[in-house]
């Protein structure tokens, strides 16, 4: 199951995909797309990816322990949903005009929609178990909810894209070695 860097791996995958497909048009350089927060003001990039919420999906029933090999038990992985905002950096020195902003937002939406899933094994090649793909879908939010996200970082609302990445399974480090069977006693009663 996926280890703790999976959350950063998902973010890096999104940025890497955007860099591959948005440069040099409509964004001139891959360095102009970053994992960042809109609250940072001394940075010079055009498009930012902000992870604004991580939610454990507690509705999924999971067993207390699952077997891992012949003599080991481990806690099962827990499913999470990651919530992202794609935004244009308002403090960028690039001098973008309104039409440029709309082209960038439109192209980013097109790329995320076309690359709407990724296998966890693509992100962490050492994974042994098959896990369901991580699906990128639009986060269903009202304009008021979007404004609240911007308000939480003390920035005025601007047009941005909101996405959900799920399920992202995060493994547990708890592994229990069960004792090996050393003796077996078999009794038969014949009547």
Protein backbone atom coordinates (compact mmCIF):
# COMPACT_ATOMS: atom_id res chain seq x y z
CA UNK A 1 0.00 0.00 0.00
CA UNK A 2 1.08 3.56 -0.64
CA UNK A 3 3.43 5.17 1.86
CA UNK A 4 3.08 8.67 3.35
CA UNK A 5 4.73 10.56 0.43
CA UNK A 6 1.70 9.64 -1.71
CA UNK A 7 0.05 13.00 -0.97
CA UNK A 8 3.09 14.92 -2.23
CA UNK A 9 3.39 12.44 -5.12
CA UNK A 10 -0.15 13.26 -6.28
CA UNK A 11 0.60 17.00 -6.14
CA UNK A 12 3.87 16.54 -8.05
CA UNK A 13 2.12 14.39 -10.66
CA UNK A 14 -0.44 17.13 -11.33
CA UNK A 15 2.27 19.79 -11.63
CA UNK A 16 4.44 17.57 -13.85
CA UNK A 17 1.48 16.88 -16.16
CA UNK A 18 0.63 20.58 -16.39
CA UNK A 19 4.27 21.47 -17.09
CA UNK A 20 4.50 18.90 -19.90
CA UNK A 21 1.33 20.05 -21.63
CA UNK A 22 1.14 23.80 -20.94
CA UNK A 23 4.64 24.84 -21.90
CA UNK A 24 5.66 26.74 -23.98
CA UNK A 25 2.06 27.70 -24.79
CA UNK A 26 0.17 29.24 -22.98
CA UNK A 27 2.83 29.30 -20.20
CA UNK A 28 6.40 30.03 -21.38
CA UNK A 29 8.42 27.90 -18.93
CA UNK A 30 7.83 24.83 -16.72
CA UNK A 31 9.26 26.88 -13.84
CA UNK A 32 6.14 29.06 -14.07
CA UNK A 33 3.97 26.23 -12.63
CA UNK A 34 4.47 25.38 -8.95
CA UNK A 35 3.00 23.67 -5.92
CA UNK A 36 2.32 26.73 -3.81
CA UNK A 37 -0.21 28.67 -1.78
CA UNK A 38 -1.85 31.91 -2.87
CA UNK A 39 -0.78 33.37 0.49
CA UNK A 40 2.88 33.49 -0.62
CA UNK A 41 3.61 36.90 -2.06
CA UNK A 42 7.32 36.92 -2.91
CA UNK A 43 7.24 34.22 -5.55
CA UNK A 44 7.29 34.54 -9.31
CA UNK A 45 5.29 31.83 -11.05
CA UNK A 46 2.13 31.98 -13.11
CA UNK A 47 0.05 28.92 -12.19
CA UNK A 48 -0.09 27.48 -8.68
CA UNK A 49 -1.46 24.25 -7.28
CA UNK A 50 -2.68 24.57 -3.69
CA UNK A 51 -3.70 21.60 -1.54
CA UNK A 52 -6.31 23.23 0.68
CA UNK A 53 -7.94 20.19 2.33
CA UNK A 54 -7.26 16.52 3.11
CA UNK A 55 -10.21 14.45 4.31
CA UNK A 56 -10.22 10.91 5.60
CA UNK A 57 -13.08 9.00 4.07
CA UNK A 58 -14.40 7.35 7.22
CA UNK A 59 -17.48 5.86 5.58
CA UNK A 60 -15.40 2.99 4.17
CA UNK A 61 -15.50 0.01 6.54
CA UNK A 62 -12.08 -1.60 6.94
CA UNK A 63 -11.08 -4.66 8.96
CA UNK A 64 -8.98 -4.23 12.11
CA UNK A 65 -5.95 -6.08 10.68
CA UNK A 66 -5.15 -7.67 7.32
CA UNK A 67 -2.62 -10.38 6.57
CA UNK A 68 0.67 -9.41 5.01
CA UNK A 69 2.61 -12.49 4.05
CA UNK A 70 2.45 -15.74 6.00
CA UNK A 71 3.09 -14.53 9.53
CA UNK A 72 2.41 -10.81 9.57
CA UNK A 73 -0.65 -8.68 10.17
CA UNK A 74 -0.87 -4.98 9.50
CA UNK A 75 -3.41 -2.26 9.85
CA UNK A 76 -5.23 -1.63 6.58
CA UNK A 77 -4.64 1.49 4.52
CA UNK A 78 -7.03 4.38 5.04
CA UNK A 79 -8.67 6.21 2.11
CA UNK A 80 -8.32 9.98 1.81
CA UNK A 81 -9.62 12.66 -0.54
CA UNK A 82 -7.31 15.52 -1.52
CA UNK A 83 -8.81 18.89 -2.45
CA UNK A 84 -6.86 21.19 -4.75
CA UNK A 85 -7.19 24.69 -6.09
CA UNK A 86 -5.47 25.70 -9.34
CA UNK A 87 -4.98 29.46 -9.31
CA UNK A 88 -3.13 32.20 -11.13
CA UNK A 89 -0.50 33.96 -9.08
CA UNK A 90 -1.70 37.52 -8.58
CA UNK A 91 1.77 38.72 -7.60
CA UNK A 92 3.44 37.35 -10.74
CA UNK A 93 5.50 39.86 -12.66
CA UNK A 94 4.45 38.36 -16.01
CA UNK A 95 1.87 41.05 -16.80
CA UNK A 96 -0.96 38.73 -17.86
CA UNK A 97 -4.00 40.24 -19.52
CA UNK A 98 -7.60 39.02 -19.05
CA UNK A 99 -7.52 36.93 -22.22
CA UNK A 100 -4.27 35.27 -21.15
CA UNK A 101 -5.77 34.35 -17.79
CA UNK A 102 -8.78 32.74 -19.45
CA UNK A 103 -6.56 30.77 -21.86
CA UNK A 104 -4.43 29.46 -18.99
CA UNK A 105 -7.47 28.47 -16.90
CA UNK A 106 -9.11 26.83 -19.92
CA UNK A 107 -5.99 24.87 -20.88
CA UNK A 108 -5.42 23.73 -17.28
CA UNK A 109 -9.04 22.49 -17.06
CA UNK A 110 -8.64 20.65 -20.36
CA UNK A 111 -5.43 18.93 -19.21
CA UNK A 112 -6.87 17.83 -15.83
CA UNK A 113 -10.02 16.54 -17.54
CA UNK A 114 -7.98 14.60 -20.11
CA UNK A 115 -5.63 13.21 -17.43
CA UNK A 116 -8.42 12.37 -15.01
CA UNK A 117 -6.79 9.38 -13.31
CA UNK A 118 -3.45 7.96 -12.26
CA UNK A 119 -2.44 4.58 -10.91
CA UNK A 120 -0.79 4.69 -7.47
CA UNK A 121 1.89 2.38 -8.91
CA UNK A 122 2.79 5.15 -11.38
CA UNK A 123 3.47 7.42 -8.40
CA UNK A 124 5.19 4.82 -6.19
CA UNK A 125 6.71 2.12 -8.40
CA UNK A 126 7.59 -0.17 -5.49
CA UNK A 127 3.93 -0.88 -4.64
CA UNK A 128 3.17 -4.58 -4.65
CA UNK A 129 -0.61 -4.48 -4.24
CA UNK A 130 -2.94 -3.24 -6.90
CA UNK A 131 -4.85 -0.23 -5.69
CA UNK A 132 -7.73 1.54 -7.39
CA UNK A 133 -6.76 4.48 -9.58
CA UNK A 134 -6.77 7.97 -8.11
CA UNK A 135 -9.50 9.91 -9.92
CA UNK A 136 -9.33 13.67 -10.49
CA UNK A 137 -12.78 15.21 -10.61
CA UNK A 138 -14.14 18.74 -10.27
CA UNK A 139 -14.92 19.57 -6.63
CA UNK A 140 -18.61 20.45 -6.54
CA UNK A 141 -18.53 23.80 -4.78
CA UNK A 142 -20.73 26.84 -4.77
CA UNK A 143 -19.23 30.28 -5.39
CA UNK A 144 -19.64 30.99 -1.67
CA UNK A 145 -17.56 27.90 -0.80
CA UNK A 146 -14.84 29.01 -3.20
CA UNK A 147 -14.83 32.49 -1.69
CA UNK A 148 -14.42 30.89 1.77
CA UNK A 149 -11.29 29.05 0.62
CA UNK A 150 -9.81 32.34 -0.60
CA UNK A 151 -10.91 34.13 2.58
CA UNK A 152 -9.18 31.50 4.73
CA UNK A 153 -5.85 32.63 3.27
CA UNK A 154 -6.79 36.34 3.48
CA UNK A 155 -6.88 36.86 -0.27
CA UNK A 156 -9.67 38.27 -2.42
CA UNK A 157 -11.47 35.74 -4.61
CA UNK A 158 -10.22 35.22 -8.13
CA UNK A 159 -11.26 32.75 -10.80
CA UNK A 160 -9.72 29.38 -10.03
CA UNK A 161 -10.31 25.67 -10.56
CA UNK A 162 -11.15 23.27 -7.73
CA UNK A 163 -10.49 19.52 -7.93
CA UNK A 164 -10.80 16.43 -5.79
CA UNK A 165 -8.31 13.53 -6.03
CA UNK A 166 -9.64 10.29 -4.53
CA UNK A 167 -9.25 7.65 -3.30
CA UNK A 168 -5.71 8.09 -2.03
CA UNK A 169 -4.86 5.14 0.22
CA UNK A 170 -2.32 5.79 2.95
CA UNK A 171 -0.67 2.77 4.58
CA UNK A 172 -0.05 2.17 8.25
CA UNK A 173 3.37 1.47 9.74
CA UNK A 174 1.87 -0.86 12.34
CA UNK A 175 2.86 -4.44 11.55
CA UNK A 176 2.38 -7.32 13.96
CA UNK A 177 4.43 -10.50 13.66
CA UNK A 178 2.26 -13.42 14.61
CA UNK A 179 3.91 -16.42 16.25
CA UNK A 180 4.63 -19.41 14.05
CA UNK A 181 2.85 -22.65 14.75
CA UNK A 182 5.42 -24.93 16.36
CA UNK A 183 3.13 -27.77 17.42
CA UNK A 184 -0.06 -29.09 16.04
CA UNK A 185 -2.23 -31.59 17.85
CA UNK A 186 -4.83 -33.43 15.88
CA UNK A 187 -7.36 -35.74 17.53
CA UNK A 188 -9.90 -37.92 15.85
CA UNK A 189 -12.93 -39.37 17.61
CA UNK A 190 -14.40 -42.32 15.84
CA UNK A 191 -17.84 -43.46 16.97
